[in-house]
Amino acid sequence: MQVQVTKWGNSLALRIPKPFAEDAGVSEGSAVELSVEDGKIVASPIRQDSPTLRQLLVKVNKSNLHGEVDTGAPVGREVW
């Protein structure tokens, strides 16, 4: 498929057709790594894996652990 390079401010831009974006798994706001290989522009999606629960819990320590929070007396039919 042929697309046209256009000017965007002081840079150049091109549109990624929807089927290509879907196949590559990119959407608005996605980060991509741009490189030049053998004179070709290559845009590769940057995949960021979600952290595991273990990876998140390892960051919990006494200095960032919060105590209980009193939200006040019941208002309505809450059962505490």
Protein backbone atom coordinates (compact mmCIF):
# COMPACT_ATOMS: atom_id res chain seq x y z
CA MET A 1 0.00 0.00 0.00
CA GLN A 2 1.30 3.43 -0.85
CA VAL A 3 0.82 6.40 1.51
CA GLN A 4 1.99 9.99 1.24
CA VAL A 5 4.44 11.64 3.62
CA THR A 6 3.14 15.02 4.81
CA LYS A 7 4.61 17.89 6.81
CA TRP A 8 3.63 18.14 10.48
CA GLY A 9 5.22 21.20 12.08
CA ASN A 10 8.97 20.87 11.53
CA SER A 11 8.69 17.09 11.12
CA LEU A 12 7.30 14.68 8.58
CA ALA A 13 4.37 12.35 9.19
CA LEU A 14 2.48 9.54 7.55
CA ARG A 15 -0.83 7.90 8.30
CA ILE A 16 -0.99 4.27 9.28
CA PRO A 17 -4.02 2.65 7.62
CA LYS A 18 -6.43 1.07 10.11
CA PRO A 19 -5.89 -2.55 8.95
CA PHE A 20 -2.10 -2.14 9.35
CA ALA A 21 -2.52 -0.61 12.83
CA GLU A 22 -4.83 -3.44 13.89
CA ASP A 23 -2.47 -6.11 12.57
CA ALA A 24 0.48 -4.48 14.39
CA GLY A 25 -1.55 -4.01 17.59
CA VAL A 26 -1.09 -0.24 17.78
CA SER A 27 -3.64 2.44 18.51
CA GLU A 28 -3.66 6.16 19.27
CA GLY A 29 -1.11 6.85 21.99
CA SER A 30 0.88 3.65 21.38
CA ALA A 31 4.66 3.95 21.61
CA VAL A 32 6.78 2.71 18.70
CA GLU A 33 10.53 2.40 18.18
CA LEU A 34 11.67 4.02 14.92
CA SER A 35 14.79 2.78 13.18
CA VAL A 36 16.37 2.71 9.74
CA GLU A 37 17.42 -0.67 8.37
CA ASP A 38 18.98 -0.96 4.92
CA GLY A 39 17.55 2.43 3.96
CA LYS A 40 14.04 1.51 5.13
CA ILE A 41 12.10 3.19 7.94
CA VAL A 42 10.91 0.58 10.44
CA ALA A 43 8.35 1.35 13.16
CA SER A 44 8.13 -1.42 15.77
CA PRO A 45 5.52 -1.35 18.55
CA ILE A 46 6.97 -1.19 22.06
CA ARG A 47 5.31 -3.90 24.10
CA GLN A 48 5.08 -3.22 27.81
CA ASP A 49 4.09 -6.22 29.88
CA SER A 50 1.80 -5.59 32.82
CA PRO A 51 3.62 -6.06 36.13
CA THR A 52 2.80 -9.18 38.13
CA LEU A 53 1.34 -8.96 41.62
CA ARG A 54 4.69 -10.17 43.00
CA GLN A 55 6.55 -7.36 41.18
CA LEU A 56 4.14 -4.78 42.62
CA LEU A 57 4.22 -6.16 46.16
CA VAL A 58 8.03 -6.16 46.23
CA LYS A 59 7.83 -2.34 46.16
CA VAL A 60 5.70 -2.18 49.34
CA ASN A 61 7.68 -1.26 52.46
CA LYS A 62 7.12 0.45 55.82
CA SER A 63 7.68 3.94 54.39
CA ASN A 64 4.92 3.63 51.76
CA LEU A 65 2.46 1.38 53.59
CA HIS A 66 -0.69 3.25 54.61
CA GLY A 67 -2.72 2.58 57.70
CA GLU A 68 -6.47 2.29 57.97
CA VAL A 69 -8.62 5.25 57.00
CA ASP A 70 -11.74 6.19 58.95
CA THR A 71 -14.48 7.11 56.50
CA GLY A 72 -16.92 8.18 59.21
CA ALA A 73 -20.17 6.79 60.50
CA PRO A 74 -22.54 4.79 58.26
CA VAL A 75 -24.84 6.93 56.12
CA GLY A 76 -27.81 4.89 55.04
CA ARG A 77 -28.17 1.13 55.21
CA GLU A 78 -24.49 0.06 55.25
CA VAL A 79 -23.73 -2.89 57.51
CA TRP A 80 -20.35 -2.61 59.25
